[in-house]
Protein backbone atom coordinates (compact mmCIF):
# COMPACT_ATOMS: atom_id res chain seq x y z
CA UNK A 1 0.00 0.00 0.00
CA UNK A 2 1.28 3.50 -0.81
CA UNK A 3 2.18 5.94 1.95
CA UNK A 4 -0.83 8.11 1.12
CA UNK A 5 -3.12 5.09 1.14
CA UNK A 6 -1.69 3.92 4.45
CA UNK A 7 -2.21 7.40 5.90
CA UNK A 8 -5.79 7.41 4.64
CA UNK A 9 -6.47 4.07 6.32
CA UNK A 10 -4.98 5.28 9.61
CA UNK A 11 -7.01 8.49 9.42
CA UNK A 12 -10.18 6.50 8.76
CA UNK A 13 -9.52 4.22 11.76
CA UNK A 14 -8.79 7.21 13.97
CA UNK A 15 -5.19 6.19 14.70
CA UNK A 16 -3.92 9.61 13.62
CA UNK A 17 -5.83 12.86 13.24
CA UNK A 18 -5.57 16.61 13.05
CA UNK A 19 -7.82 18.86 15.12
CA UNK A 20 -9.57 20.82 12.37
CA UNK A 21 -12.50 21.73 14.61
CA UNK A 22 -10.27 22.90 17.45
CA UNK A 23 -8.49 25.35 15.13
CA UNK A 24 -11.67 26.57 13.45
CA UNK A 25 -11.16 30.18 14.54
CA UNK A 26 -7.89 30.20 12.61
CA UNK A 27 -9.62 28.89 9.46
CA UNK A 28 -12.45 31.39 9.88
CA UNK A 29 -9.92 34.21 10.13
CA UNK A 30 -8.08 33.08 7.00
CA UNK A 31 -11.33 32.81 5.04
CA UNK A 32 -12.51 36.22 6.21
CA UNK A 33 -9.18 37.75 5.21
CA UNK A 34 -9.28 36.16 1.75
CA UNK A 35 -12.92 37.15 1.25
CA UNK A 36 -12.26 40.76 2.27
CA UNK A 37 -9.32 40.90 -0.16
CA UNK A 38 -11.53 39.55 -2.94
CA UNK A 39 -14.30 42.06 -2.19
CA UNK A 40 -11.83 44.97 -2.08
CA UNK A 41 -10.33 43.86 -5.39
CA UNK A 42 -13.80 43.63 -6.88
CA UNK A 43 -14.76 47.08 -5.59
CA UNK A 44 -11.53 48.82 -6.61
CA UNK A 45 -10.61 47.17 -9.90
CA UNK A 46 -13.94 45.72 -10.96
CA UNK A 47 -14.42 42.94 -13.48
CA UNK A 48 -12.98 43.08 -16.97
CA UNK A 49 -16.20 42.31 -18.78
CA UNK A 50 -15.81 40.81 -22.22
CA UNK A 51 -17.25 42.07 -25.45
CA UNK A 52 -20.26 39.77 -25.06
CA UNK A 53 -21.37 41.77 -22.01
CA UNK A 54 -20.26 45.28 -22.96
CA UNK A 55 -20.83 45.15 -26.69
CA UNK A 56 -18.23 46.27 -29.21
CA UNK A 57 -16.57 45.39 -32.48
CA UNK A 58 -14.73 42.31 -33.71
CA UNK A 59 -12.22 42.71 -36.56
CA UNK A 60 -10.87 39.74 -38.47
CA UNK A 61 -7.85 40.23 -40.70
CA UNK A 62 -6.53 38.14 -43.53
CA UNK A 63 -3.46 35.97 -43.05
CA UNK A 64 -0.71 38.25 -41.81
CA UNK A 65 2.78 38.19 -40.33
CA UNK A 66 1.93 40.84 -37.72
CA UNK A 67 2.45 39.53 -34.19
CA UNK A 68 -0.22 39.53 -31.51
CA UNK A 69 1.57 42.13 -29.36
CA UNK A 70 2.03 44.44 -32.34
CA UNK A 71 -1.62 44.07 -33.31
CA UNK A 72 -2.64 44.93 -29.74
CA UNK A 73 -0.59 48.12 -29.98
CA UNK A 74 -2.17 49.01 -33.35
CA UNK A 75 -5.68 48.44 -31.98
CA UNK A 76 -5.03 50.48 -28.83
CA UNK A 77 -3.65 53.39 -30.83
CA UNK A 78 -6.63 53.29 -33.20
CA UNK A 79 -9.36 53.01 -30.58
CA UNK A 80 -7.89 54.29 -27.34
CA UNK A 81 -9.04 51.09 -25.62
CA UNK A 82 -7.30 47.86 -24.70
CA UNK A 83 -7.97 45.12 -27.24
CA UNK A 84 -8.02 41.33 -27.05
CA UNK A 85 -6.11 39.86 -29.99
CA UNK A 86 -6.09 36.16 -30.84
CA UNK A 87 -4.11 34.48 -33.57
CA UNK A 88 -6.25 31.89 -35.33
CA UNK A 89 -5.05 28.64 -36.80
CA UNK A 90 -5.04 29.87 -40.42
CA UNK A 91 -2.73 32.80 -39.60
CA UNK A 92 -5.45 35.43 -39.35
CA UNK A 93 -5.97 37.73 -36.38
CA UNK A 94 -9.16 38.29 -34.40
CA UNK A 95 -9.25 41.68 -32.67
CA UNK A 96 -11.93 42.45 -30.06
CA UNK A 97 -12.51 45.99 -28.84
CA UNK A 98 -15.29 46.60 -26.33
CA UNK A 99 -17.56 49.64 -26.19
CA UNK A 100 -17.55 50.52 -29.89
CA UNK A 101 -20.49 51.71 -32.00
CA UNK A 102 -20.93 51.61 -35.79
CA UNK A 103 -19.27 54.96 -36.55
CA UNK A 104 -16.28 54.25 -34.31
CA UNK A 105 -16.00 50.79 -35.82
CA UNK A 106 -15.59 52.18 -39.34
CA UNK A 107 -12.92 54.64 -38.21
CA UNK A 108 -10.96 51.94 -36.37
CA UNK A 109 -11.21 49.63 -39.35
CA UNK A 110 -9.63 52.23 -41.60
CA UNK A 111 -6.84 52.90 -39.09
CA UNK A 112 -6.10 49.20 -38.75
CA UNK A 113 -5.95 48.83 -42.53
CA UNK A 114 -3.29 51.54 -42.67
CA UNK A 115 -1.26 49.94 -39.89
CA UNK A 116 -1.50 46.49 -41.45
CA UNK A 117 -0.83 47.99 -44.89
CA UNK A 118 -3.80 46.25 -46.45
CA UNK A 119 -7.04 47.36 -48.06
CA UNK A 120 -9.80 48.18 -45.58
CA UNK A 121 -12.14 45.79 -47.41
CA UNK A 122 -9.86 42.88 -46.45
CA UNK A 123 -10.69 43.42 -42.76
CA UNK A 124 -14.07 42.07 -41.71
CA UNK A 125 -15.87 44.02 -38.98
CA UNK A 126 -18.75 42.70 -36.88
CA UNK A 127 -20.64 44.58 -34.21
CA UNK A 128 -21.70 42.75 -31.05
CA UNK A 129 -24.52 44.20 -28.95
CA UNK A 130 -24.49 43.91 -25.16
CA UNK A 131 -28.04 42.54 -25.02
CA UNK A 132 -26.94 38.94 -25.65
CA UNK A 133 -24.43 39.09 -22.82
CA UNK A 134 -27.01 40.65 -20.52
CA UNK A 135 -29.38 37.78 -21.25
CA UNK A 136 -26.66 35.26 -20.42
CA UNK A 137 -25.84 37.06 -17.16
CA UNK A 138 -29.51 37.25 -16.15
CA UNK A 139 -30.05 33.57 -16.88
CA UNK A 140 -26.91 32.73 -14.94
CA UNK A 141 -28.10 34.65 -11.89
CA UNK A 142 -31.50 32.99 -12.11
CA UNK A 143 -29.88 29.56 -12.40
CA UNK A 144 -27.61 30.33 -9.45
CA UNK A 145 -30.53 31.42 -7.27
CA UNK A 146 -32.57 28.33 -8.16
CA UNK A 147 -29.54 26.10 -7.52
CA UNK A 148 -28.99 27.63 -4.08
CA UNK A 149 -32.62 27.18 -3.09
CA UNK A 150 -32.69 23.56 -4.24
CA UNK A 151 -29.43 22.81 -2.42
CA UNK A 152 -30.77 24.22 0.84
CA UNK A 153 -34.01 22.26 0.53
CA UNK A 154 -32.25 19.01 -0.33
CA UNK A 155 -29.68 19.22 2.45
CA UNK A 156 -32.33 20.23 4.99
CA UNK A 157 -34.33 17.11 4.10
CA UNK A 158 -31.44 14.66 3.63
CA UNK A 159 -29.44 15.90 6.63
CA UNK A 160 -30.65 18.89 8.68
CA UNK A 161 -31.03 22.65 8.37
CA UNK A 162 -27.71 23.40 10.08
CA UNK A 163 -25.85 21.48 7.41
CA UNK A 164 -27.87 23.26 4.73
CA UNK A 165 -26.84 26.65 6.13
CA UNK A 166 -23.19 25.58 6.37
CA UNK A 167 -23.18 24.34 2.77
CA UNK A 168 -24.79 27.57 1.57
CA UNK A 169 -22.14 29.65 3.37
CA UNK A 170 -19.40 27.50 1.81
CA UNK A 171 -20.84 27.99 -1.70
CA UNK A 172 -21.08 31.76 -1.29
CA UNK A 173 -17.52 31.70 0.06
CA UNK A 174 -16.28 29.86 -3.06
CA UNK A 175 -18.07 32.14 -5.53
CA UNK A 176 -16.89 35.32 -3.79
CA UNK A 177 -13.25 34.20 -3.82
CA UNK A 178 -13.41 33.14 -7.49
CA UNK A 179 -14.98 36.42 -8.63
CA UNK A 180 -12.49 38.40 -6.53
CA UNK A 181 -9.55 36.55 -8.11
CA UNK A 182 -10.89 37.50 -11.56
CA UNK A 183 -10.97 41.14 -10.49
CA UNK A 184 -7.43 41.04 -9.08
CA UNK A 185 -5.91 39.15 -12.02
CA UNK A 186 -7.81 41.15 -14.64
CA UNK A 187 -8.81 38.20 -16.82
CA UNK A 188 -11.68 38.87 -19.19
CA UNK A 189 -15.11 37.72 -18.09
CA UNK A 190 -16.87 35.85 -20.88
CA UNK A 191 -19.80 33.44 -21.13
CA UNK A 192 -17.22 30.70 -20.56
CA UNK A 193 -16.44 32.27 -17.19
CA UNK A 194 -20.10 32.12 -16.23
CA UNK A 195 -20.24 28.45 -17.22
CA UNK A 196 -17.13 27.79 -15.14
CA UNK A 197 -18.63 29.49 -12.09
CA UNK A 198 -21.77 27.40 -12.30
CA UNK A 199 -19.71 24.24 -12.79
CA UNK A 200 -17.61 24.64 -9.65
CA UNK A 201 -20.71 24.71 -7.47
CA UNK A 202 -21.24 21.02 -8.07
CA UNK A 203 -17.65 20.12 -7.20
CA UNK A 204 -17.74 22.21 -4.04
CA UNK A 205 -21.02 20.68 -2.92
CA UNK A 206 -19.77 17.14 -3.61
CA UNK A 207 -16.90 17.33 -1.11
CA UNK A 208 -19.16 18.93 1.47
CA UNK A 209 -21.86 16.25 1.15
CA UNK A 210 -19.26 13.46 1.49
CA UNK A 211 -18.14 14.84 4.87
CA UNK A 212 -21.73 15.49 5.96
CA UNK A 213 -22.74 11.92 5.12
CA UNK A 214 -19.92 10.54 7.25
CA UNK A 215 -20.85 12.92 10.07
CA UNK A 216 -24.51 11.90 9.94
CA UNK A 217 -23.58 8.21 10.10
CA UNK A 218 -21.26 8.62 13.07
CA UNK A 219 -23.59 10.80 15.14
CA UNK A 220 -26.46 8.31 15.31
CA UNK A 221 -27.48 7.87 18.96
CA UNK A 222 -24.75 10.31 19.92
CA UNK A 223 -26.39 11.37 23.20
CA UNK A 224 -26.52 7.75 24.45
CA UNK A 225 -22.75 7.63 24.94
CA UNK A 226 -20.31 9.67 27.00
CA UNK A 227 -17.01 9.08 25.20
CA UNK A 228 -17.04 11.78 22.48
CA UNK A 229 -18.50 15.23 21.99
CA UNK A 230 -20.16 16.31 18.74
CA UNK A 231 -17.14 18.39 17.74
CA UNK A 232 -14.85 15.40 18.20
CA UNK A 233 -17.08 13.22 16.02
CA UNK A 234 -17.13 15.98 13.40
CA UNK A 235 -13.35 16.11 13.51
CA UNK A 236 -13.17 12.34 13.00
CA UNK A 237 -15.47 12.67 9.99
CA UNK A 238 -13.16 15.23 8.37
CA UNK A 239 -10.07 13.12 9.03
CA UNK A 240 -11.79 9.99 7.75
CA UNK A 241 -12.59 11.57 4.39
CA UNK A 242 -9.52 13.82 4.15
CA UNK A 243 -7.43 11.69 1.79
CA UNK A 244 -10.46 11.02 -0.41
CA UNK A 245 -11.12 14.76 -0.71
CA UNK A 246 -7.46 15.44 -1.52
CA UNK A 247 -7.35 12.74 -4.19
CA UNK A 248 -10.58 13.94 -5.80
CA UNK A 249 -9.43 17.56 -5.84
CA UNK A 250 -5.96 16.81 -7.21
CA UNK A 251 -7.34 14.62 -10.00
CA UNK A 252 -9.80 17.37 -10.96
CA UNK A 253 -7.20 20.16 -10.74
CA UNK A 254 -4.54 18.52 -12.93
CA UNK A 255 -6.33 18.84 -16.30
CA UNK A 256 -7.63 22.29 -15.40
CA UNK A 257 -4.10 23.38 -14.47
CA UNK A 258 -2.94 22.09 -17.86
CA UNK A 259 -5.51 24.29 -19.60
CA UNK A 260 -4.65 27.35 -17.51
CA UNK A 261 -0.87 27.26 -17.26
CA UNK A 262 0.13 25.34 -20.38
CA UNK A 263 -2.66 26.15 -22.80
CA UNK A 264 -3.40 29.69 -21.68
CA UNK A 265 0.03 30.68 -20.40
CA UNK A 266 2.75 28.79 -22.24
CA UNK A 267 0.99 28.23 -25.58
CA UNK A 268 -0.78 31.58 -25.51
CA UNK A 269 -4.31 30.29 -26.07
CA UNK A 270 -5.97 33.14 -24.21
CA UNK A 271 -9.47 31.85 -24.94
CA UNK A 272 -8.84 29.07 -22.39
CA UNK A 273 -8.19 31.47 -19.53
CA UNK A 274 -11.78 32.61 -19.10
CA UNK A 275 -13.10 29.18 -18.12
CA UNK A 276 -9.94 27.48 -16.79
CA UNK A 277 -9.22 30.15 -14.15
CA UNK A 278 -12.74 29.95 -12.73
CA UNK A 279 -12.53 26.16 -12.58
CA UNK A 280 -9.06 26.13 -11.02
CA UNK A 281 -9.81 28.69 -8.30
CA UNK A 282 -13.29 27.31 -7.68
CA UNK A 283 -12.12 23.71 -7.27
CA UNK A 284 -9.37 24.70 -4.85
CA UNK A 285 -11.71 26.97 -2.86
CA UNK A 286 -14.38 24.26 -2.80
CA UNK A 287 -12.02 21.67 -1.34
CA UNK A 288 -10.87 24.18 1.27
CA UNK A 289 -14.36 25.27 2.29
CA UNK A 290 -15.72 21.73 2.67
CA UNK A 291 -12.98 20.88 5.18
CA UNK A 292 -12.21 24.14 6.94
CA UNK A 293 -15.53 26.03 6.75
CA UNK A 294 -18.62 23.87 6.27
CA UNK A 295 -18.04 21.12 8.86
CA UNK A 296 -16.61 23.39 11.60
CA UNK A 297 -19.60 25.69 11.09
CA UNK A 298 -21.98 22.73 11.55
CA UNK A 299 -20.15 21.81 14.77
CA UNK A 300 -20.52 25.39 16.02
CA UNK A 301 -24.26 25.38 15.33
CA UNK A 302 -24.81 21.93 16.86
CA UNK A 303 -22.87 22.75 20.03
CA UNK A 304 -25.51 25.41 20.76
CA UNK A 305 -28.25 22.78 21.17
CA UNK A 306 -29.20 22.05 24.81
CA UNK A 307 -28.81 18.27 24.48
CA UNK A 308 -25.43 18.60 22.77
CA UNK A 309 -24.34 21.04 25.48
CA UNK A 310 -25.44 18.54 28.13
CA UNK A 311 -23.55 15.76 26.34
CA UNK A 312 -20.40 17.86 26.31
CA UNK A 313 -20.69 18.47 30.05
CA UNK A 314 -21.12 14.74 30.74
CA UNK A 315 -18.14 13.82 28.56
CA UNK A 316 -15.89 16.41 30.17
CA UNK A 317 -17.07 15.46 33.67
CA UNK A 318 -16.34 11.79 33.01
CA UNK A 319 -12.87 12.61 31.72
CA UNK A 320 -12.20 14.81 34.75
CA UNK A 321 -13.26 11.96 37.02
CA UNK A 322 -11.04 9.53 35.14
CA UNK A 323 -8.09 11.91 35.45
CA UNK A 324 -8.77 12.28 39.17
CA UNK A 325 -8.82 8.51 39.62
CA UNK A 326 -5.52 8.19 37.85
CA UNK A 327 -4.00 10.77 40.18
CA UNK A 328 -5.27 8.83 43.24
CA UNK A 329 -4.91 5.09 42.43
CA UNK A 330 -5.40 3.96 46.07
CA UNK A 331 -8.73 5.75 46.34
CA UNK A 332 -9.81 4.34 42.99
CA UNK A 333 -8.91 0.80 44.16
CA UNK A 334 -10.87 1.21 47.37
CA UNK A 335 -13.87 2.53 45.47
CA UNK A 336 -13.79 -0.44 43.14
CA UNK A 337 -13.81 -2.94 46.06
CA UNK A 338 -17.26 -4.28 46.88
CA UNK A 339 -18.69 -4.15 50.40
CA UNK A 340 -18.84 -7.92 50.82
CA UNK A 341 -15.32 -8.53 49.61
CA UNK A 342 -12.95 -10.57 51.81
CA UNK A 343 -11.14 -8.55 54.48
CA UNK A 344 -7.59 -7.54 53.83
CA UNK A 345 -4.95 -9.95 55.14
CA UNK A 346 -2.85 -8.62 57.99
CA UNK A 347 0.33 -10.29 59.18
CA UNK A 348 2.59 -12.90 57.63
CA UNK A 349 1.18 -14.67 54.64
CA UNK A 350 1.82 -18.14 56.08
CA UNK A 351 -0.40 -17.31 59.10
CA UNK A 352 -3.21 -15.87 57.12
CA UNK A 353 -5.31 -18.97 56.83
CA UNK A 354 -5.18 -21.72 59.55
CA UNK A 355 -4.93 -25.27 58.44
CA UNK A 356 -7.91 -27.53 58.95
CA UNK A 357 -7.78 -29.79 61.99
CA UNK A 358 -6.74 -33.33 61.45
CA UNK A 359 -7.55 -36.27 63.76
CA UNK A 360 -4.62 -37.51 65.81
CA UNK A 361 -3.20 -40.75 64.64
CA UNK A 362 -4.37 -43.75 66.60
CA UNK A 363 -7.03 -46.35 66.69
CA UNK A 364 -10.39 -45.63 65.32
CA UNK A 365 -13.29 -45.57 67.65
């Protein structure tokens, strides 16, 4: 068995563990700090909305030897706006400039023709209205709202309302971080980005439900025992599914990382960045939130229940009594002796019990 598999087996059996629940304030602080950073980045820099959402013009050139960076400079000089330039497989260039109307589009087309030293008729210009992007955004928000409602209802029925609230908080946490990263990095937001955001919700919820299912199974008849508190059982549930969550996340992140860093970064296929970044950040944030946010939050909510509070008091009282007995072994031994036990032997051991009388030797009567 591999080292990771052996560790997973030991975690599942409870032989080794890490106190995730005990350090929950640390995880909450880290998440709050990351979320605040994402919100500040979103408020200060905003999102770089693509042409599908803002509207604008798309220019397609014939096969040319002009580089992408040079074409970006030509387009910026002609329009005064940053442009997204992509080199297509047949050697042509696709230039996107947001916020352009028909009159501006014609002027930019003529300027680009001069810079490329071609006839203006050889450059195709298409106008994109923002209405299509607005429809996509509205449908996405509607789908997100419906998804959240259905998730809360399902988890409240399958598990309980506390787990539903914790899962909802974790999902909002993941979306906020992903959107904030887009604002900080400055990647263009396209319909592919919206699809990526909706996709990560399923991955995030999957890890959370796996831990919740283990927690539900281990907390059956919890109040009938006095060995573990609810938080300790929750911690065992996280440790028991930890390696599984790591394996699932790593396997999902590897192809997405290939799209983002190799396809979008090394090979320069910028069209992959819009969806791959949302998937990469969302998957990582989802794995984090299911372990460090959702389950600790459930434990916090459950520990407020009167019966769970009473259980915690009984468990701690029993442990305090056990520790006291260990400190006073003589008192513990005397307490364990029953009232009708044999009296303690005093004196030499060979005089403790008299021998039975024997008849003197002689004739029988």
